[in-house]
Amino acid sequence: MLLNNYQANIVTVIQKYVNEGWILSFSFSVDSRSNYVGFIQGNLEFLQGSHLFFKEYIDLQESIEKLSYSFHYQDHENNLIFRYDNAKHKPDLGYTDHKHIKGKIIQSKIPDIEQVILEIISEYLNNTK
């Protein structure tokens, strides 16, 4: 998959939830290193002023490989609600992909942007609309 196709897919997903009224605004940028490698980052503003900040350093040459990523969701007062990432920890967690939630770190799978948006809607926003 080419980087510009991956980018278009992300924008399509975000626009779907803008059209449904869940996302109020968003910013999005791509720093292309090649046709297959790049750094993507964005900020989605949801209902009630909560935000999802995300970044992915990806290599798409053979498959979708997220070399580094973070999906950081916070409330309108900038308090962390959850964050998925693959940052290294000391002491070592024993696994790479994890989620920070309620003061804990738990093992997780690598999410995509739509999975994170759906989690936000179902777990945190479903009663606000």
Protein backbone atom coordinates (compact mmCIF):
# COMPACT_ATOMS: atom_id res chain seq x y z
CA MET A 1 0.00 0.00 0.00
CA LEU A 2 1.25 3.48 -0.81
CA LEU A 3 1.48 6.11 1.90
CA ASN A 4 -0.96 8.43 0.11
CA ASN A 5 -3.56 5.60 0.01
CA TYR A 6 -3.08 4.96 3.75
CA GLN A 7 -3.48 8.68 4.39
CA ALA A 8 -6.67 8.80 2.29
CA ASN A 9 -8.10 5.86 4.26
CA ILE A 10 -7.50 7.65 7.56
CA VAL A 11 -9.13 10.85 6.32
CA THR A 12 -12.13 8.84 5.05
CA VAL A 13 -12.57 7.21 8.47
CA ILE A 14 -12.29 10.54 10.29
CA GLN A 15 -14.70 12.25 7.89
CA LYS A 16 -17.26 9.49 8.49
CA TYR A 17 -17.39 10.37 12.20
CA VAL A 18 -17.37 14.11 11.45
CA ASN A 19 -20.44 13.56 9.28
CA GLU A 20 -22.10 11.57 12.08
CA GLY A 21 -21.49 14.45 14.52
CA TRP A 22 -19.06 12.70 16.88
CA ILE A 23 -15.95 14.61 15.77
CA LEU A 24 -16.26 18.41 15.80
CA SER A 25 -12.94 19.23 14.12
CA PHE A 26 -9.63 17.67 13.18
CA SER A 27 -6.13 18.44 11.98
CA PHE A 28 -3.95 15.96 10.16
CA SER A 29 -0.47 15.98 8.66
CA VAL A 30 1.88 13.56 6.91
CA ASP A 31 5.66 13.75 6.68
CA SER A 32 6.55 11.43 3.78
CA ARG A 33 9.97 9.78 3.87
CA SER A 34 9.22 7.72 0.74
CA ASN A 35 6.16 6.36 -1.08
CA TYR A 36 5.87 3.73 1.68
CA VAL A 37 7.34 5.27 4.84
CA GLY A 38 6.10 8.28 6.72
CA PHE A 39 5.09 9.98 9.94
CA ILE A 40 1.40 10.71 10.38
CA GLN A 41 -0.06 12.79 13.18
CA GLY A 42 -3.39 14.31 13.99
CA ASN A 43 -5.74 15.77 16.55
CA LEU A 44 -9.45 15.01 16.69
CA GLU A 45 -11.80 17.12 18.80
CA PHE A 46 -14.84 15.18 20.01
CA LEU A 47 -18.06 16.18 21.68
CA GLN A 48 -17.63 17.75 25.13
CA GLY A 49 -14.17 19.00 24.12
CA SER A 50 -12.27 15.74 24.53
CA HIS A 51 -9.33 15.15 22.18
CA LEU A 52 -7.56 12.25 20.53
CA PHE A 53 -3.94 12.99 19.63
CA PHE A 54 -2.41 10.32 17.43
CA LYS A 55 0.86 9.67 15.67
CA GLU A 56 2.17 6.77 13.65
CA TYR A 57 5.57 6.19 12.11
CA ILE A 58 4.72 3.59 9.49
CA ASP A 59 6.37 1.40 6.88
CA LEU A 60 3.92 0.11 4.26
CA GLN A 61 6.32 -1.69 1.91
CA GLU A 62 5.13 -5.23 2.62
CA SER A 63 2.30 -4.74 5.11
CA ILE A 64 1.10 -2.06 7.53
CA GLU A 65 3.93 -1.93 10.06
CA LYS A 66 3.61 0.67 12.80
CA LEU A 67 7.21 1.22 13.87
CA SER A 68 6.06 3.67 16.51
CA TYR A 69 2.59 4.85 17.46
CA SER A 70 0.51 6.61 20.08
CA PHE A 71 -3.23 7.16 20.42
CA HIS A 72 -3.67 9.54 23.38
CA TYR A 73 -7.25 10.34 24.45
CA GLN A 74 -7.88 13.06 27.03
CA ASP A 75 -10.86 14.91 28.46
CA HIS A 76 -11.64 18.63 28.08
CA GLU A 77 -9.45 19.40 31.12
CA ASN A 78 -6.44 17.61 29.53
CA ASN A 79 -6.66 14.61 31.88
CA LEU A 80 -5.52 11.33 30.34
CA ILE A 81 -8.36 8.88 29.77
CA PHE A 82 -6.29 6.29 27.91
CA ARG A 83 -3.27 5.96 25.64
CA TYR A 84 -2.21 3.14 23.35
CA ASP A 85 1.48 3.13 22.45
CA ASN A 86 4.57 1.02 21.96
CA ALA A 87 7.05 3.19 23.87
CA LYS A 88 9.70 1.34 25.83
CA HIS A 89 9.38 1.34 29.63
CA LYS A 90 11.87 0.88 32.43
CA PRO A 91 11.56 -1.55 33.95
CA ASP A 92 10.63 -3.51 30.86
CA LEU A 93 6.95 -4.45 30.68
CA GLY A 94 7.60 -7.81 29.01
CA TYR A 95 5.57 -6.72 25.98
CA THR A 96 5.77 -3.87 23.49
CA ASP A 97 2.19 -2.91 22.66
CA HIS A 98 0.24 -1.61 25.62
CA LYS A 99 -2.51 0.67 26.90
CA HIS A 100 -2.36 3.16 29.75
CA ILE A 101 -5.71 3.40 31.51
CA LYS A 102 -6.74 4.38 35.04
CA GLY A 103 -3.17 4.43 36.31
CA LYS A 104 -2.42 0.97 34.96
CA ILE A 105 -0.54 -0.38 31.96
CA ILE A 106 -2.03 -3.40 30.25
CA GLN A 107 -0.95 -5.42 27.23
CA SER A 108 -2.91 -4.61 24.08
CA LYS A 109 -3.00 -5.16 20.36
CA ILE A 110 -1.98 -2.43 17.94
CA PRO A 111 -5.19 -0.51 17.18
CA ASP A 112 -6.08 1.38 14.06
CA ILE A 113 -7.68 4.81 14.08
CA GLU A 114 -11.22 3.52 13.56
CA GLN A 115 -10.95 1.04 16.44
CA VAL A 116 -9.85 3.87 18.74
CA ILE A 117 -12.63 6.19 17.55
CA LEU A 118 -15.23 3.45 18.08
CA GLU A 119 -13.89 2.80 21.59
CA ILE A 120 -14.18 6.51 22.41
CA ILE A 121 -17.74 6.68 21.10
CA SER A 122 -18.98 3.49 22.76
CA GLU A 123 -17.18 3.87 26.11
CA TYR A 124 -17.04 7.63 26.66
CA LEU A 125 -19.43 9.52 24.36
CA ASN A 126 -22.41 7.29 23.68
CA ASN A 127 -24.60 9.06 26.27
CA THR A 128 -23.68 12.58 25.12
CA LYS A 129 -25.41 12.72 21.76
